[in-house]
Amino acid sequence: QVQLVESGGGLVQPGGSLRLSCAPSESISRFYVMGWYRQAPGKQRELVGIITSSGFINYSDSVMGRISIFTDNAKNQMYMQMNSLNTGDKAVYYCEYRSTDSTVENWGQGTQVTASS
């Protein structure tokens, strides 16, 4: 199973920005689906956005226009640029990876994001 390590979370003021990183422990499949999820206190984990090896990218309505998900294949990492953060974005953010020829889901340990004054 591929280990994933998220980083880049933290505390920012409302309106601020953060860039989260997701680093797999090994090279991943050429054909994959990767995503960012978040879980706020007392709520279920929800999808934030996904990116596939074919270039398909999709974002949830709650973050549309404020985030950008991209990969750096040379560094074998996935990123999520988050702008205009608000208090409603407070959550633990997780990255997930799955090869398209597998049903195994690989998850990171999560990184906390908080926007507060």
PDB file of N, CA and C in Angstrom:
ATOM      1  N   GLN A   1       0.842  -1.183   0.000  1.00  0.00           N
ATOM      2  CA  GLN A   1       0.000   0.000   0.000  1.00  0.00           C
ATOM      3  C   GLN A   1       0.887   1.246   0.000  1.00  0.00           C
ATOM      4  N   VAL A   2       0.481   2.247  -0.748  1.00  0.00           N
ATOM      5  CA  VAL A   2       1.254   3.476  -0.860  1.00  0.00           C
ATOM      6  C   VAL A   2       0.973   4.361   0.343  1.00  0.00           C
ATOM      7  N   GLN A   3       2.014   4.825   0.989  1.00  0.00           N
ATOM      8  CA  GLN A   3       1.869   5.776   2.086  1.00  0.00           C
ATOM      9  C   GLN A   3       1.809   7.187   1.520  1.00  0.00           C
ATOM     10  N   LEU A   4       0.914   7.987   2.058  1.00  0.00           N
ATOM     11  CA  LEU A   4       0.770   9.368   1.611  1.00  0.00           C
ATOM     12  C   LEU A   4       1.012  10.297   2.796  1.00  0.00           C
ATOM     13  N   VAL A   5       1.738  11.359   2.561  1.00  0.00           N
ATOM     14  CA  VAL A   5       2.032  12.321   3.618  1.00  0.00           C
ATOM     15  C   VAL A   5       1.580  13.701   3.171  1.00  0.00           C
ATOM     16  N   GLU A   6       0.621  14.271   3.918  1.00  0.00           N
ATOM     17  CA  GLU A   6       0.161  15.629   3.638  1.00  0.00           C
ATOM     18  C   GLU A   6       0.970  16.631   4.460  1.00  0.00           C
ATOM     19  N   SER A   7       1.112  17.807   3.936  1.00  0.00           N
ATOM     20  CA  SER A   7       1.752  18.901   4.658  1.00  0.00           C
ATOM     21  C   SER A   7       1.208  20.222   4.135  1.00  0.00           C
ATOM     22  N   GLY A   8       1.511  21.283   4.861  1.00  0.00           N
ATOM     23  CA  GLY A   8       1.120  22.608   4.404  1.00  0.00           C
ATOM     24  C   GLY A   8      -0.065  23.216   5.123  1.00  0.00           C
ATOM     25  N   GLY A   9      -0.702  22.453   5.991  1.00  0.00           N
ATOM     26  CA  GLY A   9      -1.824  23.013   6.733  1.00  0.00           C
ATOM     27  C   GLY A   9      -1.361  24.015   7.767  1.00  0.00           C
ATOM     28  N   GLY A  10      -2.323  24.696   8.365  1.00  0.00           N
ATOM     29  CA  GLY A  10      -1.976  25.675   9.390  1.00  0.00           C
ATOM     30  C   GLY A  10      -3.127  26.599   9.695  1.00  0.00           C
ATOM     31  N   LEU A  11      -2.817  27.647  10.417  1.00  0.00           N
ATOM     32  CA  LEU A  11      -3.786  28.656  10.815  1.00  0.00           C
ATOM     33  C   LEU A  11      -3.530  29.934  10.018  1.00  0.00           C
ATOM     34  N   VAL A  12      -4.562  30.421   9.351  1.00  0.00           N
ATOM     35  CA  VAL A  12      -4.459  31.665   8.604  1.00  0.00           C
ATOM     36  C   VAL A  12      -5.655  32.536   8.935  1.00  0.00           C
ATOM     37  N   GLN A  13      -5.547  33.806   8.645  1.00  0.00           N
ATOM     38  CA  GLN A  13      -6.679  34.696   8.826  1.00  0.00           C
ATOM     39  C   GLN A  13      -7.671  34.507   7.683  1.00  0.00           C
ATOM     40  N   PRO A  14      -8.937  34.775   7.930  1.00  0.00           N
ATOM     41  CA  PRO A  14      -9.918  34.698   6.835  1.00  0.00           C
ATOM     42  C   PRO A  14      -9.459  35.523   5.644  1.00  0.00           C
ATOM     43  N   GLY A  15      -9.603  34.931   4.467  1.00  0.00           N
ATOM     44  CA  GLY A  15      -9.117  35.580   3.260  1.00  0.00           C
ATOM     45  C   GLY A  15      -7.721  35.151   2.868  1.00  0.00           C
ATOM     46  N   GLY A  16      -7.059  34.411   3.752  1.00  0.00           N
ATOM     47  CA  GLY A  16      -5.701  33.969   3.501  1.00  0.00           C
ATOM     48  C   GLY A  16      -5.622  32.761   2.584  1.00  0.00           C
ATOM     49  N   SER A  17      -4.388  32.322   2.349  1.00  0.00           N
ATOM     50  CA  SER A  17      -4.142  31.216   1.420  1.00  0.00           C
ATOM     51  C   SER A  17      -3.218  30.178   2.059  1.00  0.00           C
ATOM     52  N   LEU A  18      -3.372  28.965   1.582  1.00  0.00           N
ATOM     53  CA  LEU A  18      -2.478  27.875   1.956  1.00  0.00           C
ATOM     54  C   LEU A  18      -2.275  26.976   0.753  1.00  0.00           C
ATOM     55  N   ARG A  19      -1.131  26.318   0.710  1.00  0.00           N
ATOM     56  CA  ARG A  19      -0.894  25.306  -0.314  1.00  0.00           C
ATOM     57  C   ARG A  19      -0.590  23.992   0.398  1.00  0.00           C
ATOM     58  N   LEU A  20      -1.460  23.020   0.169  1.00  0.00           N
ATOM     59  CA  LEU A  20      -1.260  21.699   0.736  1.00  0.00           C
ATOM     60  C   LEU A  20      -0.504  20.822  -0.247  1.00  0.00           C
ATOM     61  N   SER A  21       0.324  19.953   0.294  1.00  0.00           N
ATOM     62  CA  SER A  21       1.081  19.006  -0.519  1.00  0.00           C
ATOM     63  C   SER A  21       0.751  17.588  -0.104  1.00  0.00           C
ATOM     64  N   CYS A  22       0.816  16.698  -1.055  1.00  0.00           N
ATOM     65  CA  CYS A  22       0.593  15.272  -0.802  1.00  0.00           C
ATOM     66  C   CYS A  22       1.726  14.513  -1.470  1.00  0.00           C
ATOM     67  N   ALA A  23       2.526  13.827  -0.656  1.00  0.00           N
ATOM     68  CA  ALA A  23       3.701  13.136  -1.164  1.00  0.00           C
ATOM     69  C   ALA A  23       3.554  11.629  -0.983  1.00  0.00           C
ATOM     70  N   PRO A  24       3.438  10.883  -2.066  1.00  0.00           N
ATOM     71  CA  PRO A  24       3.435   9.421  -1.964  1.00  0.00           C
ATOM     72  C   PRO A  24       4.816   8.897  -1.592  1.00  0.00           C
ATOM     73  N   SER A  25       4.850   7.764  -0.921  1.00  0.00           N
ATOM     74  CA  SER A  25       6.112   7.179  -0.468  1.00  0.00           C
ATOM     75  C   SER A  25       6.867   6.478  -1.584  1.00  0.00           C
ATOM     76  N   GLU A  26       6.180   6.275  -2.722  1.00  0.00           N
ATOM     77  CA  GLU A  26       6.817   5.610  -3.845  1.00  0.00           C
ATOM     78  C   GLU A  26       6.185   6.119  -5.126  1.00  0.00           C
ATOM     79  N   SER A  27       6.777   5.770  -6.232  1.00  0.00           N
ATOM     80  CA  SER A  27       6.206   6.201  -7.508  1.00  0.00           C
ATOM     81  C   SER A  27       4.827   5.580  -7.678  1.00  0.00           C
ATOM     82  N   ILE A  28       3.923   6.380  -8.171  1.00  0.00           N
ATOM     83  CA  ILE A  28       2.558   5.904  -8.329  1.00  0.00           C
ATOM     84  C   ILE A  28       2.302   5.450  -9.758  1.00  0.00           C
ATOM     85  N   SER A  29       1.174   4.812  -9.943  1.00  0.00           N
ATOM     86  CA  SER A  29       0.804   4.316 -11.257  1.00  0.00           C
ATOM     87  C   SER A  29       0.694   5.454 -12.261  1.00  0.00           C
ATOM     88  N   ARG A  30       0.943   5.142 -13.514  1.00  0.00           N
ATOM     89  CA  ARG A  30       0.752   6.150 -14.575  1.00  0.00           C
ATOM     90  C   ARG A  30      -0.722   6.486 -14.738  1.00  0.00           C
ATOM     91  N   PHE A  31      -1.587   5.591 -14.286  1.00  0.00           N
ATOM     92  CA  PHE A  31      -3.026   5.780 -14.441  1.00  0.00           C
ATOM     93  C   PHE A  31      -3.646   5.803 -13.043  1.00  0.00           C
ATOM     94  N   TYR A  32      -4.106   6.968 -12.650  1.00  0.00           N
ATOM     95  CA  TYR A  32      -4.522   7.127 -11.264  1.00  0.00           C
ATOM     96  C   TYR A  32      -5.669   8.128 -11.125  1.00  0.00           C
ATOM     97  N   VAL A  33      -6.267   8.065  -9.962  1.00  0.00           N
ATOM     98  CA  VAL A  33      -7.184   9.089  -9.486  1.00  0.00           C
ATOM     99  C   VAL A  33      -6.661   9.535  -8.126  1.00  0.00           C
ATOM    100  N   MET A  34      -6.479  10.817  -7.972  1.00  0.00           N
ATOM    101  CA  MET A  34      -6.059  11.377  -6.683  1.00  0.00           C
ATOM    102  C   MET A  34      -7.056  12.452  -6.271  1.00  0.00           C
ATOM    103  N   GLY A  35      -7.207  12.585  -4.982  1.00  0.00           N
ATOM    104  CA  GLY A  35      -8.186  13.561  -4.525  1.00  0.00           C
ATOM    105  C   GLY A  35      -7.846  14.153  -3.181  1.00  0.00           C
ATOM    106  N   TRP A  36      -8.496  15.247  -2.898  1.00  0.00           N
ATOM    107  CA  TRP A  36      -8.443  15.886  -1.586  1.00  0.00           C
ATOM    108  C   TRP A  36      -9.830  15.793  -0.961  1.00  0.00           C
ATOM    109  N   TYR A  37      -9.849  15.400   0.289  1.00  0.00           N
ATOM    110  CA  TYR A  37     -11.069  15.322   1.071  1.00  0.00           C
ATOM    111  C   TYR A  37     -10.858  16.127   2.351  1.00  0.00           C
ATOM    112  N   ARG A  38     -11.957  16.478   2.991  1.00  0.00           N
ATOM    113  CA  ARG A  38     -11.837  17.153   4.276  1.00  0.00           C
ATOM    114  C   ARG A  38     -12.913  16.670   5.227  1.00  0.00           C
ATOM    115  N   GLN A  39     -12.600  16.764   6.499  1.00  0.00           N
ATOM    116  CA  GLN A  39     -13.557  16.378   7.528  1.00  0.00           C
ATOM    117  C   GLN A  39     -13.548  17.427   8.621  1.00  0.00           C
ATOM    118  N   ALA A  40     -14.660  18.111   8.737  1.00  0.00           N
ATOM    119  CA  ALA A  40     -14.827  19.120   9.774  1.00  0.00           C
ATOM    120  C   ALA A  40     -15.325  18.443  11.051  1.00  0.00           C
ATOM    121  N   PRO A  41     -15.115  19.069  12.194  1.00  0.00           N
ATOM    122  CA  PRO A  41     -15.560  18.472  13.461  1.00  0.00           C
ATOM    123  C   PRO A  41     -17.054  18.151  13.441  1.00  0.00           C
ATOM    124  N   GLY A  42     -17.393  16.930  13.774  1.00  0.00           N
ATOM    125  CA  GLY A  42     -18.779  16.518  13.847  1.00  0.00           C
ATOM    126  C   GLY A  42     -19.441  16.252  12.518  1.00  0.00           C
ATOM    127  N   LYS A  43     -18.670  16.294  11.442  1.00  0.00           N
ATOM    128  CA  LYS A  43     -19.246  16.078  10.112  1.00  0.00           C
ATOM    129  C   LYS A  43     -18.560  14.912   9.415  1.00  0.00           C
ATOM    130  N   GLN A  44     -19.212  14.431   8.379  1.00  0.00           N
ATOM    131  CA  GLN A  44     -18.635  13.354   7.603  1.00  0.00           C
ATOM    132  C   GLN A  44     -17.555  13.890   6.659  1.00  0.00           C
ATOM    133  N   ARG A  45     -16.651  12.992   6.287  1.00  0.00           N
ATOM    134  CA  ARG A  45     -15.625  13.366   5.326  1.00  0.00           C
ATOM    135  C   ARG A  45     -16.288  13.664   3.984  1.00  0.00           C
ATOM    136  N   GLU A  46     -15.843  14.750   3.341  1.00  0.00           N
ATOM    137  CA  GLU A  46     -16.423  15.131   2.060  1.00  0.00           C
ATOM    138  C   GLU A  46     -15.332  15.375   1.033  1.00  0.00           C
ATOM    139  N   LEU A  47     -15.711  15.169  -0.223  1.00  0.00           N
ATOM    140  CA  LEU A  47     -14.782  15.389  -1.320  1.00  0.00           C
ATOM    141  C   LEU A  47     -14.587  16.883  -1.561  1.00  0.00           C
ATOM    142  N   VAL A  48     -13.344  17.288  -1.731  1.00  0.00           N
ATOM    143  CA  VAL A  48     -13.033  18.669  -2.094  1.00  0.00           C
ATOM    144  C   VAL A  48     -12.762  18.773  -3.592  1.00  0.00           C
ATOM    145  N   GLY A  49     -11.958  17.858  -4.098  1.00  0.00           N
ATOM    146  CA  GLY A  49     -11.663  17.862  -5.522  1.00  0.00           C
ATOM    147  C   GLY A  49     -10.827  16.660  -5.903  1.00  0.00           C
ATOM    148  N   ILE A  50     -10.854  16.335  -7.197  1.00  0.00           N
ATOM    149  CA  ILE A  50     -10.078  15.205  -7.683  1.00  0.00           C
ATOM    150  C   ILE A  50      -9.311  15.595  -8.933  1.00  0.00           C
ATOM    151  N   ILE A  51      -8.258  14.822  -9.192  1.00  0.00           N
ATOM    152  CA  ILE A  51      -7.483  14.976 -10.414  1.00  0.00           C
ATOM    153  C   ILE A  51      -7.104  13.581 -10.883  1.00  0.00           C
ATOM    154  N   THR A  52      -7.167  13.363 -12.195  1.00  0.00           N
ATOM    155  CA  THR A  52      -6.810  12.058 -12.734  1.00  0.00           C
ATOM    156  C   THR A  52      -5.598  12.177 -13.643  1.00  0.00           C
ATOM    157  N   SER A  53      -5.015  11.034 -13.936  1.00  0.00           N
ATOM    158  CA  SER A  53      -3.835  11.011 -14.804  1.00  0.00           C
ATOM    159  C   SER A  53      -4.163  11.463 -16.218  1.00  0.00           C
ATOM    160  N   SER A  54      -5.429  11.410 -16.606  1.00  0.00           N
ATOM    161  CA  SER A  54      -5.830  11.851 -17.945  1.00  0.00           C
ATOM    162  C   SER A  54      -6.067  13.347 -18.000  1.00  0.00           C
ATOM    163  N   GLY A  55      -5.939  14.025 -16.851  1.00  0.00           N
ATOM    164  CA  GLY A  55      -6.084  15.470 -16.833  1.00  0.00           C
ATOM    165  C   GLY A  55      -7.445  15.975 -16.397  1.00  0.00           C
ATOM    166  N   PHE A  56      -8.342  15.061 -16.058  1.00  0.00           N
ATOM    167  CA  PHE A  56      -9.654  15.490 -15.565  1.00  0.00           C
ATOM    168  C   PHE A  56      -9.522  16.047 -14.156  1.00  0.00           C
ATOM    169  N   ILE A  57     -10.124  17.206 -13.930  1.00  0.00           N
ATOM    170  CA  ILE A  57     -10.121  17.849 -12.621  1.00  0.00           C
ATOM    171  C   ILE A  57     -11.544  18.281 -12.300  1.00  0.00           C
ATOM    172  N   ASN A  58     -11.955  18.056 -11.070  1.00  0.00           N
ATOM    173  CA  ASN A  58     -13.290  18.460 -10.658  1.00  0.00           C
ATOM    174  C   ASN A  58     -13.245  18.928  -9.213  1.00  0.00           C
ATOM    175  N   TYR A  59     -14.031  19.962  -8.915  1.00  0.00           N
ATOM    176  CA  TYR A  59     -14.070  20.532  -7.580  1.00  0.00           C
ATOM    177  C   TYR A  59     -15.487  20.524  -7.046  1.00  0.00           C
ATOM    178  N   SER A  60     -15.605  20.456  -5.736  1.00  0.00           N
ATOM    179  CA  SER A  60     -16.926  20.547  -5.140  1.00  0.00           C
ATOM    180  C   SER A  60     -17.426  21.984  -5.242  1.00  0.00           C
ATOM    181  N   ASP A  61     -18.723  22.145  -5.188  1.00  0.00           N
ATOM    182  CA  ASP A  61     -19.320  23.476  -5.316  1.00  0.00           C
ATOM    183  C   ASP A  61     -18.859  24.404  -4.198  1.00  0.00           C
ATOM    184  N   SER A  62     -18.585  23.843  -3.029  1.00  0.00           N
ATOM    185  CA  SER A  62     -18.245  24.672  -1.877  1.00  0.00           C
ATOM    186  C   SER A  62     -16.889  25.357  -2.009  1.00  0.00           C
ATOM    187  N   VAL A  63     -16.042  24.856  -2.887  1.00  0.00           N
ATOM    188  CA  VAL A  63     -14.696  25.441  -3.028  1.00  0.00           C
ATOM    189  C   VAL A  63     -14.431  25.939  -4.447  1.00  0.00           C
ATOM    190  N   MET A  64     -15.389  25.749  -5.347  1.00  0.00           N
ATOM    191  CA  MET A  64     -15.202  26.138  -6.739  1.00  0.00           C
ATOM    192  C   MET A  64     -14.768  27.595  -6.835  1.00  0.00           C
ATOM    193  N   GLY A  65     -13.720  27.823  -7.603  1.00  0.00           N
ATOM    194  CA  GLY A  65     -13.226  29.177  -7.812  1.00  0.00           C
ATOM    195  C   GLY A  65     -12.216  29.633  -6.774  1.00  0.00           C
ATOM    196  N   ARG A  66     -12.056  28.844  -5.706  1.00  0.00           N
ATOM    197  CA  ARG A  66     -11.131  29.243  -4.646  1.00  0.00           C
ATOM    198  C   ARG A  66      -9.940  28.295  -4.525  1.00  0.00           C
ATOM    199  N   ILE A  67     -10.030  27.134  -5.157  1.00  0.00           N
ATOM    200  CA  ILE A  67      -8.930  26.182  -5.024  1.00  0.00           C
ATOM    201  C   ILE A  67      -8.468  25.723  -6.403  1.00  0.00           C
ATOM    202  N   SER A  68      -7.250  25.191  -6.418  1.00  0.00           N
ATOM    203  CA  SER A  68      -6.684  24.638  -7.637  1.00  0.00           C
ATOM    204  C   SER A  68      -5.875  23.399  -7.258  1.00  0.00           C
ATOM    205  N   ILE A  69      -6.183  22.294  -7.911  1.00  0.00           N
ATOM    206  CA  ILE A  69      -5.456  21.050  -7.660  1.00  0.00           C
ATOM    207  C   ILE A  69      -4.559  20.768  -8.854  1.00  0.00           C
ATOM    208  N   PHE A  70      -3.314  20.428  -8.576  1.00  0.00           N
ATOM    209  CA  PHE A  70      -2.386  20.135  -9.651  1.00  0.00           C
ATOM    210  C   PHE A  70      -1.332  19.159  -9.162  1.00  0.00           C
ATOM    211  N   THR A  71      -0.640  18.563 -10.103  1.00  0.00           N
ATOM    212  CA  THR A  71       0.415  17.612  -9.768  1.00  0.00           C
ATOM    213  C   THR A  71       1.743  18.067 -10.369  1.00  0.00           C
ATOM    214  N   ASP A  72       2.797  17.613  -9.751  1.00  0.00           N
ATOM    215  CA  ASP A  72       4.144  17.803 -10.270  1.00  0.00           C
ATOM    216  C   ASP A  72       4.726  16.407 -10.442  1.00  0.00           C
ATOM    217  N   ASN A  73       4.677  15.903 -11.657  1.00  0.00           N
ATOM    218  CA  ASN A  73       5.099  14.525 -11.888  1.00  0.00           C
ATOM    219  C   ASN A  73       6.587  14.326 -11.604  1.00  0.00           C
ATOM    220  N   ALA A  74       7.373  15.358 -11.828  1.00  0.00           N
ATOM    221  CA  ALA A  74       8.814  15.241 -11.571  1.00  0.00           C
ATOM    222  C   ALA A  74       9.084  15.036 -10.081  1.00  0.00           C
ATOM    223  N   LYS A  75       8.247  15.657  -9.256  1.00  0.00           N
ATOM    224  CA  LYS A  75       8.400  15.517  -7.810  1.00  0.00           C
ATOM    225  C   LYS A  75       7.489  14.443  -7.233  1.00  0.00           C
ATOM    226  N   ASN A  76       6.667  13.847  -8.099  1.00  0.00           N
ATOM    227  CA  ASN A  76       5.745  12.796  -7.639  1.00  0.00           C
ATOM    228  C   ASN A  76       4.861  13.314  -6.509  1.00  0.00           C
ATOM    229  N   GLN A  77       4.338  14.520  -6.657  1.00  0.00           N
ATOM    230  CA  GLN A  77       3.498  15.104  -5.618  1.00  0.00           C
ATOM    231  C   GLN A  77       2.236  15.716  -6.201  1.00  0.00           C
ATOM    232  N   MET A  78       1.234  15.825  -5.352  1.00  0.00           N
ATOM    233  CA  MET A  78      -0.005  16.505  -5.681  1.00  0.00           C
ATOM    234  C   MET A  78      -0.142  17.700  -4.737  1.00  0.00           C
ATOM    235  N   TYR A  79      -0.732  18.771  -5.245  1.00  0.00           N
ATOM    236  CA  TYR A  79      -0.889  19.984  -4.460  1.00  0.00           C
ATOM    237  C   TYR A  79      -2.327  20.483  -4.526  1.00  0.00           C
ATOM    238  N   MET A  80      -2.685  21.266  -3.536  1.00  0.00           N
ATOM    239  CA  MET A  80      -3.945  21.986  -3.586  1.00  0.00           C
ATOM    240  C   MET A  80      -3.695  23.405  -3.079  1.00  0.00           C
ATOM    241  N   GLN A  81      -3.852  24.360  -3.993  1.00  0.00           N
ATOM    242  CA  GLN A  81      -3.734  25.769  -3.648  1.00  0.00           C
ATOM    243  C   GLN A  81      -5.105  26.254  -3.184  1.00  0.00           C
ATOM    244  N   MET A  82      -5.162  26.760  -1.972  1.00  0.00           N
ATOM    245  CA  MET A  82      -6.420  27.213  -1.400  1.00  0.00           C
ATOM    246  C   MET A  82      -6.351  28.708  -1.146  1.00  0.00           C
ATOM    247  N   ASN A  83      -7.276  29.449  -1.751  1.00  0.00           N
ATOM    248  CA  ASN A  83      -7.320  30.905  -1.605  1.00  0.00           C
ATOM    249  C   ASN A  83      -8.642  31.334  -0.973  1.00  0.00           C
ATOM    250  N   SER A  84      -8.665  32.539  -0.487  1.00  0.00           N
ATOM    251  CA  SER A  84      -9.883  33.108   0.107  1.00  0.00           C
ATOM    252  C   SER A  84     -10.480  32.168   1.151  1.00  0.00           C
ATOM    253  N   LEU A  85      -9.627  31.655   2.017  1.00  0.00           N
ATOM    254  CA  LEU A  85     -10.102  30.733   3.039  1.00  0.00           C
ATOM    255  C   LEU A  85     -11.050  31.433   4.000  1.00  0.00           C
ATOM    256  N   ASN A  86     -12.065  30.698   4.421  1.00  0.00           N
ATOM    257  CA  ASN A  86     -13.011  31.250   5.388  1.00  0.00           C
ATOM    258  C   ASN A  86     -13.187  30.258   6.531  1.00  0.00           C
ATOM    259  N   THR A  87     -13.943  30.673   7.532  1.00  0.00           N
ATOM    260  CA  THR A  87     -14.098  29.840   8.725  1.00  0.00           C
ATOM    261  C   THR A  87     -14.742  28.502   8.400  1.00  0.00           C
ATOM    262  N   GLY A  88     -15.521  28.460   7.354  1.00  0.00           N
ATOM    263  CA  GLY A  88     -16.171  27.214   6.953  1.00  0.00           C
ATOM    264  C   GLY A  88     -15.234  26.193   6.349  1.00  0.00           C
ATOM    265  N   ASP A  89     -13.998  26.599   6.079  1.00  0.00           N
ATOM    266  CA  ASP A  89     -13.006  25.669   5.520  1.00  0.00           C
ATOM    267  C   ASP A  89     -12.238  24.919   6.595  1.00  0.00           C
ATOM    268  N   LYS A  90     -12.537  25.241   7.844  1.00  0.00           N
ATOM    269  CA  LYS A  90     -11.829  24.572   8.941  1.00  0.00           C
ATOM    270  C   LYS A  90     -12.115  23.086   8.907  1.00  0.00           C
ATOM    271  N   ALA A  91     -11.070  22.284   8.803  1.00  0.00           N
ATOM    272  CA  ALA A  91     -11.219  20.832   8.721  1.00  0.00           C
ATOM    273  C   ALA A  91      -9.843  20.191   8.690  1.00  0.00           C
ATOM    274  N   VAL A  92      -9.832  18.886   8.839  1.00  0.00           N
ATOM    275  CA  VAL A  92      -8.634  18.110   8.547  1.00  0.00           C
ATOM    276  C   VAL A  92      -8.732  17.701   7.085  1.00  0.00           C
ATOM    277  N   TYR A  93      -7.677  17.967   6.348  1.00  0.00           N
ATOM    278  CA  TYR A  93      -7.659  17.685   4.918  1.00  0.00           C
ATOM    279  C   TYR A  93      -6.803  16.446   4.660  1.00  0.00           C
ATOM    280  N   TYR A  94      -7.383  15.546   3.857  1.00  0.00           N
ATOM    281  CA  TYR A  94      -6.724  14.279   3.544  1.00  0.00           C
ATOM    282  C   TYR A  94      -6.519  14.148   2.043  1.00  0.00           C
ATOM    283  N   CYS A  95      -5.412  13.561   1.657  1.00  0.00           N
ATOM    284  CA  CYS A  95      -5.253  13.199   0.248  1.00  0.00           C
ATOM    285  C   CYS A  95      -5.472  11.699   0.097  1.00  0.00           C
ATOM    286  N   GLU A  96      -5.914  11.334  -1.075  1.00  0.00           N
ATOM    287  CA  GLU A  96      -6.240   9.955  -1.382  1.00  0.00           C
ATOM    288  C   GLU A  96      -5.729   9.624  -2.770  1.00  0.00           C
ATOM    289  N   TYR A  97      -5.239   8.412  -2.924  1.00  0.00           N
ATOM    290  CA  TYR A  97      -4.724   7.953  -4.206  1.00  0.00           C
ATOM    291  C   TYR A  97      -5.232   6.554  -4.502  1.00  0.00           C
ATOM    292  N   ARG A  98      -5.583   6.359  -5.734  1.00  0.00           N
ATOM    293  CA  ARG A  98      -5.980   5.025  -6.168  1.00  0.00           C
ATOM    294  C   ARG A  98      -5.526   4.832  -7.609  1.00  0.00           C
ATOM    295  N   SER A  99      -4.919   3.693  -7.880  1.00  0.00           N
ATOM    296  CA  SER A  99      -4.611   3.330  -9.249  1.00  0.00           C
ATOM    297  C   SER A  99      -5.901   2.944  -9.948  1.00  0.00           C
ATOM    298  N   THR A 100      -6.022   3.241 -11.218  1.00  0.00           N
ATOM    299  CA  THR A 100      -7.269   2.942 -11.925  1.00  0.00           C
ATOM    300  C   THR A 100      -7.497   1.452 -12.120  1.00  0.00           C
ATOM    301  N   ASP A 101      -6.468   0.626 -11.926  1.00  0.00           N
ATOM    302  CA  ASP A 101      -6.655  -0.820 -12.061  1.00  0.00           C
ATOM    303  C   ASP A 101      -6.699  -1.503 -10.695  1.00  0.00           C
ATOM    304  N   SER A 102      -7.033  -0.750  -9.675  1.00  0.00           N
ATOM    305  CA  SER A 102      -7.104  -1.294  -8.325  1.00  0.00           C
ATOM    306  C   SER A 102      -8.278  -0.678  -7.575  1.00  0.00           C
ATOM    307  N   THR A 103      -8.792  -1.429  -6.605  1.00  0.00           N
ATOM    308  CA  THR A 103      -9.844  -0.888  -5.732  1.00  0.00           C
ATOM    309  C   THR A 103      -9.274  -0.407  -4.403  1.00  0.00           C
ATOM    310  N   VAL A 104      -7.964  -0.536  -4.236  1.00  0.00           N
ATOM    311  CA  VAL A 104      -7.331  -0.145  -2.973  1.00  0.00           C
ATOM    312  C   VAL A 104      -7.231   1.374  -2.887  1.00  0.00           C
ATOM    313  N   GLU A 105      -7.750   1.915  -1.824  1.00  0.00           N
ATOM    314  CA  GLU A 105      -7.661   3.349  -1.558  1.00  0.00           C
ATOM    315  C   GLU A 105      -6.527   3.602  -0.568  1.00  0.00           C
ATOM    316  N   ASN A 106      -5.695   4.550  -0.898  1.00  0.00           N
ATOM    317  CA  ASN A 106      -4.577   4.920  -0.043  1.00  0.00           C
ATOM    318  C   ASN A 106      -4.831   6.312   0.514  1.00  0.00           C
ATOM    319  N   TRP A 107      -4.714   6.453   1.819  1.00  0.00           N
ATOM    320  CA  TRP A 107      -5.025   7.718   2.482  1.00  0.00           C
ATOM    321  C   TRP A 107      -3.827   8.225   3.283  1.00  0.00           C
ATOM    322  N   GLY A 108      -3.737   9.534   3.359  1.00  0.00           N
ATOM    323  CA  GLY A 108      -2.752  10.144   4.222  1.00  0.00           C
ATOM    324  C   GLY A 108      -3.302  10.319   5.627  1.00  0.00           C
ATOM    325  N   GLN A 109      -2.492  10.876   6.511  1.00  0.00           N
ATOM    326  CA  GLN A 109      -2.878  11.023   7.913  1.00  0.00           C
ATOM    327  C   GLN A 109      -3.644  12.326   8.164  1.00  0.00           C
ATOM    328  N   GLY A 110      -3.634  13.208   7.194  1.00  0.00           N
ATOM    329  CA  GLY A 110      -4.396  14.455   7.307  1.00  0.00           C
ATOM    330  C   GLY A 110      -3.560  15.615   7.799  1.00  0.00           C
ATOM    331  N   THR A 111      -3.988  16.810   7.418  1.00  0.00           N
ATOM    332  CA  THR A 111      -3.354  18.035   7.879  1.00  0.00           C
ATOM    333  C   THR A 111      -4.447  19.048   8.209  1.00  0.00           C
ATOM    334  N   GLN A 112      -4.302  19.737   9.322  1.00  0.00           N
ATOM    335  CA  GLN A 112      -5.338  20.647   9.809  1.00  0.00           C
ATOM    336  C   GLN A 112      -5.259  21.994   9.100  1.00  0.00           C
ATOM    337  N   VAL A 113      -6.414  22.480   8.672  1.00  0.00           N
ATOM    338  CA  VAL A 113      -6.531  23.817   8.082  1.00  0.00           C
ATOM    339  C   VAL A 113      -7.559  24.601   8.877  1.00  0.00           C
ATOM    340  N   THR A 114      -7.175  25.798   9.286  1.00  0.00           N
ATOM    341  CA  THR A 114      -8.085  26.662  10.043  1.00  0.00           C
ATOM    342  C   THR A 114      -7.933  28.096   9.573  1.00  0.00           C
ATOM    343  N   ALA A 115      -9.049  28.739   9.311  1.00  0.00           N
ATOM    344  CA  ALA A 115      -9.063  30.169   9.010  1.00  0.00           C
ATOM    345  C   ALA A 115      -9.811  30.856  10.147  1.00  0.00           C
ATOM    346  N   SER A 116      -9.086  31.675  10.891  1.00  0.00           N
ATOM    347  CA  SER A 116      -9.685  32.322  12.056  1.00  0.00           C
ATOM    348  C   SER A 116      -8.952  33.612  12.354  1.00  0.00           C
ATOM    349  N   SER A 117      -9.723  34.595  12.825  1.00  0.00           N
ATOM    350  CA  SER A 117      -9.101  35.856  13.226  1.00  0.00           C
ATOM    351  C   SER A 117      -8.788  35.843  14.717  1.00  0.00           C
TER     352      SER A 117
END
